[in-house]
C-alpha cells in the first residue's frame, strides 16, 4: 500500500511517525513538503521554543480551549491526550517541562528537538520517502487511487492520501491555503477563513504611552451587537504595546470574534475591566473610601494605588477629571465616572496584529469528515489532519495538541481502512 502525506508540519509529521510505528515493511510512505525543511511552523512556534502541548489534564477543561471544533476533536483528543503527547515525546528522547502557566516546552527550549524526534521515526532506518521542495499543483481521484501532480517533478500515485497542509495564517512557512483548493477539488466544502489569536491595533493615541504596561488579570469585552461578540468575555493577562493591546486574554478574545470585521471603517470598541471580580457598586465604594482616606493627595495618585500611575493618568483623562484634583474634593459623579472607566476602559481597535501563534479560523467543513478516523465522508481514502480542518484553539499549546492528535488518528486510520 502507498500512502501520501501532503504537508510536513506538526500533523503531517505525526501522521508519518504513527504510520511508521504501525506499518509493515511493505507500506510505502511519501511525505511531501513544499519547503526545503520539515516542521518549519513547529520550529518557530513558542518563539522557537515550541509549545508542544498543555499541562492541563482535565479533559473538560481542555475542550473549553477550542472556540471552534471542540466536539469534533473529542475522539482524537481522548485517544492522544496531552498526557499521551507528553509521554510520547519523552519516550522519544525529548525531555519536557511544564511551566507555571501550564505550557509545555522541551527542557532544551529548542523546537528542533521536537522535529528531530519525529523525523527520527521515519529516517532511522529510512521508512519514508521525504520529498522536500515539492509543490503539489493538483490532486485527482482515479480508479480508487489519488494522483498528485507537481510543478516540475513526476506525478505520484497513492492508495491513501492525508492532507495536512495547515491553514493560511503564516504564509512564509508554506501555509498558503493550497490544501483548501485540494479539498474543494475532491468534493469538500471549505468554510470562510479568518485570522485567529491576533493582537489588536488601536487608533487611540494614548495607547502608545502605555507600551509595556501589563496586567495579570483583566476582563475583555465589546459592545458589538452580534451574538458571538456579545458572548465574548475573556479574563486573563494583557499588555499594552506601542500600537494597541496584546497578551493571552486578547488572543483568546480575538479567537472568539475571529469573524468580526475590525478595520478603520468598522472599528471595534474593546472594553478593559481592571476589576473583573467587583461590580460597579463595589468599585465605586473602593474609590470613594480611598478618596476619603487620602483627601489631600491628588486623584491620580489615589487611583495609582490600584493600578500603574501611567494608566491612572489615562483614567483621569478619559473620565474628564484633572489628574491634579485633590481626592477630598471629588464629588459623587466624578467618583462614579472614575469607577466606570476603571471597569470599562475603551480601546478603539482598527485592525488585527500578529499574535504569538499563527492560526486560521475556518477550514474543511467538519460535517464532511469522520471524527473517529479523520477520513473524508465524501471521498473514501482521503484524510485530513491539523489546521486545515475548521478547528482552532487558544494560545498555550492547544493548536499543536490538536495537530498531534488528529495527525496520529489519521495515520492509524489510513493504515487500517
Protein backbone atom coordinates (compact mmCIF):
# COMPACT_ATOMS: atom_id res chain seq x y z
CA UNK A 1 0.00 0.00 0.00
CA UNK A 2 1.16 3.52 -0.80
CA UNK A 3 0.22 6.41 1.49
CA UNK A 4 0.82 10.05 0.58
CA UNK A 5 1.01 12.86 3.14
CA UNK A 6 0.92 16.42 1.82
CA UNK A 7 2.32 18.82 4.39
CA UNK A 8 5.34 18.34 6.64
CA UNK A 9 4.09 20.32 9.63
CA UNK A 10 3.02 19.01 13.02
CA UNK A 11 0.05 16.93 11.81
CA UNK A 12 1.91 15.53 8.80
CA UNK A 13 4.99 14.62 10.83
CA UNK A 14 2.92 12.86 13.47
CA UNK A 15 0.89 11.03 10.82
CA UNK A 16 4.11 9.79 9.18
CA UNK A 17 5.65 8.78 12.53
CA UNK A 18 2.47 6.92 13.52
CA UNK A 19 2.35 5.01 10.23
CA UNK A 20 6.00 4.01 10.70
CA UNK A 21 5.23 2.73 14.19
CA UNK A 22 2.41 0.53 12.93
CA UNK A 23 3.01 -0.29 9.26
CA UNK A 24 4.57 -3.34 7.69
CA UNK A 25 7.78 -3.02 5.69
CA UNK A 26 5.71 -3.28 2.50
CA UNK A 27 3.97 0.05 3.13
CA UNK A 28 5.34 2.93 1.09
CA UNK A 29 5.02 6.40 2.60
CA UNK A 30 5.54 9.66 0.74
CA UNK A 31 5.88 12.82 2.85
CA UNK A 32 5.51 15.80 0.52
CA UNK A 33 6.63 19.25 1.69
CA UNK A 34 6.92 22.41 -0.39
CA UNK A 35 9.60 23.87 1.90
CA UNK A 36 13.20 22.69 1.96
CA UNK A 37 12.87 21.60 5.59
CA UNK A 38 10.24 19.83 7.68
CA UNK A 39 8.30 21.33 10.55
CA UNK A 40 9.01 24.97 9.69
CA UNK A 41 5.99 26.24 11.59
CA UNK A 42 6.72 23.92 14.52
CA UNK A 43 10.25 25.33 14.71
CA UNK A 44 9.08 28.93 15.10
CA UNK A 45 6.18 28.23 17.47
CA UNK A 46 6.56 29.48 21.01
CA UNK A 47 9.28 31.88 19.92
CA UNK A 48 11.37 28.94 18.70
CA UNK A 49 10.95 27.04 21.94
CA UNK A 50 7.94 25.05 20.65
CA UNK A 51 4.95 24.99 23.00
CA UNK A 52 4.47 21.23 22.46
CA UNK A 53 1.18 20.81 24.33
CA UNK A 54 -0.60 21.87 27.50
CA UNK A 55 -0.21 20.71 31.07
CA UNK A 56 -3.99 20.66 31.50
CA UNK A 57 -5.10 17.10 32.32
CA UNK A 58 -8.83 17.62 32.89
CA UNK A 59 -10.45 16.84 29.54
CA UNK A 60 -13.49 19.02 30.12
CA UNK A 61 -11.22 21.98 30.79
CA UNK A 62 -9.21 21.07 27.69
CA UNK A 63 -12.23 21.14 25.38
CA UNK A 64 -13.07 24.67 26.62
CA UNK A 65 -9.84 25.85 24.99
CA UNK A 66 -11.20 25.31 21.47
CA UNK A 67 -13.65 28.03 20.36
CA UNK A 68 -14.35 26.00 17.21
CA UNK A 69 -14.31 22.23 16.76
CA UNK A 70 -14.15 21.00 20.36
CA UNK A 71 -16.85 18.35 19.87
CA UNK A 72 -15.27 17.17 16.63
CA UNK A 73 -11.89 16.78 18.35
CA UNK A 74 -13.26 14.66 21.17
CA UNK A 75 -12.29 11.26 19.75
CA UNK A 76 -8.84 12.37 18.65
CA UNK A 77 -8.01 14.10 21.93
CA UNK A 78 -9.20 11.19 24.05
CA UNK A 79 -7.06 8.80 22.00
CA UNK A 80 -3.97 11.02 22.20
CA UNK A 81 -4.33 13.25 25.25
CA UNK A 82 -1.88 15.96 26.33
CA UNK A 83 -0.52 13.43 28.81
CA UNK A 84 -0.03 10.93 25.97
CA UNK A 85 1.74 13.57 23.87
CA UNK A 86 3.99 14.39 26.80
CA UNK A 87 4.85 10.70 27.26
CA UNK A 88 5.39 10.15 23.52
CA UNK A 89 7.98 12.89 23.17
CA UNK A 90 9.76 11.96 26.38
CA UNK A 91 9.95 8.33 25.30
CA UNK A 92 11.39 9.51 22.00
CA UNK A 93 14.24 11.46 23.51
CA UNK A 94 12.72 14.89 24.19
CA UNK A 95 12.57 15.71 27.93
CA UNK A 96 9.72 18.14 28.57
CA UNK A 97 8.82 20.62 31.31
CA UNK A 98 5.53 22.14 32.44
CA UNK A 99 5.84 25.84 33.19
CA UNK A 100 3.79 27.79 35.73
CA UNK A 101 1.20 28.79 33.12
CA UNK A 102 0.78 25.09 32.15
CA UNK A 103 2.56 25.45 28.82
CA UNK A 104 4.76 22.50 27.94
CA UNK A 105 8.18 23.04 26.34
CA UNK A 106 11.26 20.94 25.67
CA UNK A 107 13.72 21.21 28.57
CA UNK A 108 16.20 22.42 25.95
CA UNK A 109 13.83 25.24 24.86
CA UNK A 110 14.68 24.21 21.30
CA UNK A 111 11.95 23.36 18.79
CA UNK A 112 14.47 21.49 16.64
CA UNK A 113 14.48 18.69 19.22
CA UNK A 114 10.74 18.17 18.69
CA UNK A 115 11.02 17.99 14.90
CA UNK A 116 14.09 15.73 15.10
CA UNK A 117 12.28 13.24 17.35
CA UNK A 118 9.56 12.88 14.71
CA UNK A 119 11.98 12.71 11.78
CA UNK A 120 13.98 10.02 13.55
CA UNK A 121 10.93 7.76 13.48
CA UNK A 122 10.99 7.51 9.72
CA UNK A 123 14.61 8.20 8.83
CA UNK A 124 16.38 5.74 11.14
CA UNK A 125 16.04 3.35 9.37
CA UNK A 126 14.69 5.03 6.24
CA UNK A 127 10.96 4.31 6.17
CA UNK A 128 9.58 7.39 4.42
CA UNK A 129 10.34 8.99 1.09
CA UNK A 130 10.71 12.64 2.08
CA UNK A 131 10.07 14.91 -0.89
CA UNK A 132 11.24 18.40 0.06
CA UNK A 133 10.74 21.33 -2.28
CA UNK A 134 7.82 19.55 -3.91
CA UNK A 135 4.83 21.81 -4.57
CA UNK A 136 1.71 19.87 -5.44
CA UNK A 137 -0.38 21.61 -8.10
CA UNK A 138 -3.40 19.32 -8.22
CA UNK A 139 -4.84 16.08 -6.88
CA UNK A 140 -7.04 13.77 -8.92
CA UNK A 141 -9.10 10.82 -7.80
CA UNK A 142 -8.92 7.99 -10.34
CA UNK A 143 -9.69 4.28 -10.06
CA UNK A 144 -9.70 4.38 -6.23
CA UNK A 145 -6.29 5.99 -6.20
CA UNK A 146 -5.01 9.55 -5.84
CA UNK A 147 -2.79 11.16 -8.47
CA UNK A 148 -0.65 14.01 -7.15
CA UNK A 149 0.70 16.37 -9.80
CA UNK A 150 3.67 18.70 -9.27
CA UNK A 151 5.12 21.73 -11.00
CA UNK A 152 8.37 20.14 -12.11
CA UNK A 153 8.54 16.66 -10.53
CA UNK A 154 6.92 13.45 -11.81
CA UNK A 155 3.43 12.68 -10.54
CA UNK A 156 2.89 10.29 -7.62
CA UNK A 157 0.04 7.79 -7.36
CA UNK A 158 -1.04 6.61 -3.89
CA UNK A 159 -3.78 4.46 -2.41
CA UNK A 160 -4.47 6.70 0.60
CA UNK A 161 -3.91 10.41 0.98
CA UNK A 162 -3.59 12.54 4.13
CA UNK A 163 -3.76 16.30 3.64
CA UNK A 164 -2.06 18.25 6.43
CA UNK A 165 -1.18 21.49 4.69
CA UNK A 166 -2.24 23.80 7.53
CA UNK A 167 -4.22 27.00 7.18
CA UNK A 168 -3.14 30.30 5.70
CA UNK A 169 -2.20 32.34 8.74
CA UNK A 170 1.58 32.44 8.26
CA UNK A 171 2.23 32.24 4.56
CA UNK A 172 6.04 32.33 4.56
CA UNK A 173 6.09 28.96 6.36
CA UNK A 174 4.30 27.39 3.41
CA UNK A 175 0.77 27.57 4.85
CA UNK A 176 -0.66 29.33 1.82
CA UNK A 177 -4.10 27.72 1.72
CA UNK A 178 -3.34 25.27 -1.11
CA UNK A 179 -4.89 22.49 0.91
CA UNK A 180 -8.26 24.21 0.71
CA UNK A 181 -8.08 24.10 -3.08
CA UNK A 182 -7.19 20.39 -2.98
CA UNK A 183 -10.07 19.69 -0.58
CA UNK A 184 -12.58 21.50 -2.78
CA UNK A 185 -11.35 19.69 -5.89
CA UNK A 186 -12.05 16.42 -4.09
CA UNK A 187 -15.60 17.39 -3.23
CA UNK A 188 -15.24 19.14 0.11
CA UNK A 189 -16.62 22.41 1.42
CA UNK A 190 -14.26 24.95 2.94
CA UNK A 191 -15.80 27.33 5.46
CA UNK A 192 -14.89 31.04 5.43
CA UNK A 193 -11.43 31.60 6.91
CA UNK A 194 -10.15 34.35 9.20
CA UNK A 195 -7.16 35.07 11.39
CA UNK A 196 -7.39 33.84 14.96
CA UNK A 197 -5.21 34.56 18.01
CA UNK A 198 -4.38 38.11 16.98
CA UNK A 199 -3.46 41.24 18.86
CA UNK A 200 -5.32 44.48 18.14
CA UNK A 201 -4.13 47.79 16.70
CA UNK A 202 -5.72 50.86 18.25
CA UNK A 203 -6.31 54.32 16.85
CA UNK A 204 -6.13 55.84 20.35
CA UNK A 205 -3.01 58.00 20.61
CA UNK A 206 -2.75 57.46 24.38
CA UNK A 207 -2.14 53.73 23.95
CA UNK A 208 1.46 54.32 22.88
CA UNK A 209 2.25 55.96 26.24
CA UNK A 210 1.34 52.69 27.99
CA UNK A 211 3.59 50.46 25.89
CA UNK A 212 4.98 47.68 28.08
CA UNK A 213 2.44 48.09 30.89
CA UNK A 214 0.93 44.72 31.73
CA UNK A 215 -1.75 43.24 33.96
CA UNK A 216 -2.13 39.71 35.26
CA UNK A 217 -5.92 39.76 35.19
CA UNK A 218 -8.16 41.96 33.07
CA UNK A 219 -11.63 41.22 31.69
CA UNK A 220 -12.03 41.94 27.96
CA UNK A 221 -15.37 42.50 26.21
CA UNK A 222 -17.02 44.51 23.44
CA UNK A 223 -20.27 46.31 22.74
CA UNK A 224 -20.51 44.89 19.19
CA UNK A 225 -24.13 43.71 18.84
CA UNK A 226 -23.65 40.32 17.15
CA UNK A 227 -24.50 37.31 19.37
CA UNK A 228 -20.93 35.94 19.28
CA UNK A 229 -19.40 39.32 20.11
CA UNK A 230 -21.85 39.88 22.98
CA UNK A 231 -20.93 36.49 24.43
CA UNK A 232 -17.19 37.04 24.10
CA UNK A 233 -15.84 37.94 27.53
CA UNK A 234 -12.37 36.76 28.45
CA UNK A 235 -10.36 37.31 31.63
CA UNK A 236 -6.61 36.91 31.75
CA UNK A 237 -3.22 38.58 31.24
CA UNK A 238 -2.96 41.62 28.99
CA UNK A 239 -0.26 44.04 27.87
CA UNK A 240 -0.29 47.41 26.11
CA UNK A 241 2.01 47.86 23.10
CA UNK A 242 3.08 50.86 21.04
CA UNK A 243 0.26 50.03 18.65
CA UNK A 244 -2.51 48.52 20.76
CA UNK A 245 -3.12 45.60 23.09
CA UNK A 246 -1.86 42.04 23.22
CA UNK A 247 -1.49 39.09 25.59
CA UNK A 248 -3.28 35.80 26.33
CA UNK A 249 -6.61 37.44 27.19
CA UNK A 250 -6.55 39.39 23.94
CA UNK A 251 -5.61 36.33 21.87
CA UNK A 252 -8.47 34.32 23.37
CA UNK A 253 -10.88 37.22 22.87
CA UNK A 254 -9.78 37.59 19.24
CA UNK A 255 -10.36 33.88 18.64
CA UNK A 256 -13.97 34.24 19.78
CA UNK A 257 -14.58 37.16 17.44
CA UNK A 258 -12.40 35.95 14.55
CA UNK A 259 -15.13 36.76 12.02
CA UNK A 260 -15.91 40.24 13.31
CA UNK A 261 -14.64 42.97 10.97
CA UNK A 262 -12.01 45.20 12.60
CA UNK A 263 -10.91 47.97 10.24
CA UNK A 264 -10.67 51.78 10.25
CA UNK A 265 -14.07 51.80 8.56
CA UNK A 266 -15.55 49.29 11.04
CA UNK A 267 -13.74 49.93 14.34
CA UNK A 268 -14.29 47.70 17.33
CA UNK A 269 -14.64 49.12 20.83
CA UNK A 270 -12.85 46.81 23.28
CA UNK A 271 -13.56 47.38 26.96
CA UNK A 272 -10.99 46.55 29.63
CA UNK A 273 -12.21 45.90 33.17
CA UNK A 274 -9.32 46.10 35.65
CA UNK A 275 -11.50 44.76 38.46
CA UNK A 276 -13.30 41.73 36.96
CA UNK A 277 -14.27 40.35 40.35
CA UNK A 278 -16.04 43.52 41.54
CA UNK A 279 -19.28 45.06 40.34
CA UNK A 280 -19.67 48.79 39.73
CA UNK A 281 -21.03 49.45 43.20
CA UNK A 282 -18.06 47.70 44.81
CA UNK A 283 -15.53 49.60 42.70
CA UNK A 284 -17.32 52.88 43.45
CA UNK A 285 -17.13 52.18 47.18
CA UNK A 286 -13.44 51.32 46.81
CA UNK A 287 -12.66 54.60 45.04
CA UNK A 288 -14.83 56.60 47.46
CA UNK A 289 -13.13 55.13 50.52
CA UNK A 290 -9.67 55.68 49.04
CA UNK A 291 -10.52 59.33 48.36
CA UNK A 292 -11.84 59.77 51.89
CA UNK A 293 -8.70 58.28 53.43
CA UNK A 294 -6.34 60.25 51.18
CA UNK A 295 -8.16 63.54 50.81
CA UNK A 296 -5.04 65.67 50.46
CA UNK A 297 -3.48 63.56 47.72
CA UNK A 298 -4.18 64.11 44.03
CA UNK A 299 -6.77 61.85 42.49
CA UNK A 300 -4.24 60.42 40.03
CA UNK A 301 -2.04 59.29 42.92
CA UNK A 302 -5.01 57.74 44.69
CA UNK A 303 -6.01 55.80 41.57
CA UNK A 304 -2.35 54.79 41.23
CA UNK A 305 -2.70 52.80 44.45
CA UNK A 306 -4.88 50.39 42.45
CA UNK A 307 -3.25 50.41 39.00
CA UNK A 308 0.02 51.71 37.44
CA UNK A 309 0.24 55.51 37.50
CA UNK A 310 0.57 55.76 33.73
CA UNK A 311 -2.81 54.04 33.40
CA UNK A 312 -4.25 56.15 36.23
CA UNK A 313 -3.38 59.27 34.21
CA UNK A 314 -5.32 57.91 31.23
CA UNK A 315 -8.26 57.05 33.50
CA UNK A 316 -8.38 60.66 34.66
CA UNK A 317 -8.20 61.99 31.10
CA UNK A 318 -10.97 59.71 29.82
CA UNK A 319 -13.13 60.40 32.90
CA UNK A 320 -12.65 64.13 32.23
CA UNK A 321 -11.15 64.87 35.64
CA UNK A 322 -8.00 66.85 36.32
CA UNK A 323 -5.28 64.49 37.49
CA UNK A 324 -4.14 67.13 40.00
CA UNK A 325 -7.52 67.48 41.65
CA UNK A 326 -7.45 66.68 45.36
CA UNK A 327 -9.13 63.40 46.18
CA UNK A 328 -11.04 65.05 49.01
CA UNK A 329 -12.67 67.42 46.53
CA UNK A 330 -14.07 64.65 44.33
CA UNK A 331 -17.88 64.62 44.16
CA UNK A 332 -20.11 61.58 43.73
CA UNK A 333 -20.49 61.99 39.95
CA UNK A 334 -16.73 62.24 39.47
CA UNK A 335 -16.08 59.19 41.63
CA UNK A 336 -18.66 57.30 39.58
CA UNK A 337 -17.01 58.34 36.28
CA UNK A 338 -13.63 57.12 37.54
CA UNK A 339 -15.18 53.84 38.69
CA UNK A 340 -16.95 53.30 35.39
CA UNK A 341 -13.74 53.94 33.46
CA UNK A 342 -11.81 51.52 35.68
CA UNK A 343 -14.38 48.87 34.77
CA UNK A 344 -14.70 49.78 31.08
CA UNK A 345 -11.63 51.48 29.67
CA UNK A 346 -12.40 51.71 25.96
CA UNK A 347 -9.72 50.85 23.41
CA UNK A 348 -10.84 51.53 19.84
CA UNK A 349 -9.39 48.80 17.61
CA UNK A 350 -8.99 49.42 13.89
CA UNK A 351 -7.07 46.31 12.89
CA UNK A 352 -5.57 42.99 13.90
CA UNK A 353 -1.89 42.48 14.54
CA UNK A 354 0.33 39.44 14.96
CA UNK A 355 -0.24 37.06 17.85
CA UNK A 356 2.20 34.60 19.39
CA UNK A 357 0.76 31.73 17.36
CA UNK A 358 -0.24 31.57 13.70
CA UNK A 359 -3.68 30.08 13.46
CA UNK A 360 -6.56 30.16 10.98
CA UNK A 361 -10.20 30.02 11.98
CA UNK A 362 -12.20 28.09 9.39
CA UNK A 363 -11.23 25.30 7.03
CA UNK A 364 -12.57 21.97 5.77
CA UNK A 365 -16.16 21.59 6.98
CA UNK A 366 -16.27 19.20 9.94
CA UNK A 367 -19.57 17.57 8.95
CA UNK A 368 -17.75 16.14 5.92
CA UNK A 369 -15.06 14.39 7.96
CA UNK A 370 -15.43 11.35 10.24
CA UNK A 371 -14.21 12.50 13.68
CA UNK A 372 -13.36 8.92 14.68
CA UNK A 373 -10.92 8.42 11.81
CA UNK A 374 -10.32 11.82 10.14
CA UNK A 375 -11.42 10.16 6.88
CA UNK A 376 -13.44 12.09 4.35
CA UNK A 377 -17.14 11.29 4.26
CA UNK A 378 -17.10 12.43 0.63
CA UNK A 379 -14.03 10.74 -0.84
CA UNK A 380 -13.00 7.35 0.62
CA UNK A 381 -9.29 7.00 1.28
CA UNK A 382 -8.83 10.74 1.82
CA UNK A 383 -7.92 12.02 5.31
CA UNK A 384 -7.42 15.43 6.87
CA UNK A 385 -5.49 16.47 9.98
CA UNK A 386 -4.33 19.63 11.66
CA UNK A 387 -5.18 23.21 10.94
CA UNK A 388 -6.66 22.57 7.50
CA UNK A 389 -9.78 21.50 9.42
CA UNK A 390 -12.29 24.03 10.75
CA UNK A 391 -10.76 23.69 14.22
CA UNK A 392 -8.73 26.16 16.26
CA UNK A 393 -7.68 26.62 19.85
CA UNK A 394 -6.43 29.34 22.13
CA UNK A 395 -2.77 30.07 22.69
CA UNK A 396 -1.00 27.72 25.10
CA UNK A 397 -0.16 24.59 23.11
CA UNK A 398 -3.74 23.71 22.19
CA UNK A 399 -3.31 24.02 18.44
CA UNK A 400 -0.24 21.79 18.37
CA UNK A 401 -2.07 19.34 20.62
CA UNK A 402 -4.92 19.19 18.10
CA UNK A 403 -2.44 18.67 15.26
CA UNK A 404 -0.61 15.83 17.05
CA UNK A 405 -3.92 14.14 17.95
CA UNK A 406 -5.60 14.41 14.54
CA UNK A 407 -2.37 13.52 12.74
CA UNK A 408 -1.96 10.40 14.85
CA UNK A 409 -5.58 9.38 14.32
CA UNK A 410 -5.36 9.93 10.55
CA UNK A 411 -2.14 7.91 10.34
CA UNK A 412 -3.64 4.95 12.18
CA UNK A 413 -6.87 5.06 10.21
CA UNK A 414 -5.12 5.31 6.84
CA UNK A 415 -3.33 2.04 7.59
CA UNK A 416 -6.40 0.15 8.71
CA UNK A 417 -9.06 1.38 6.30
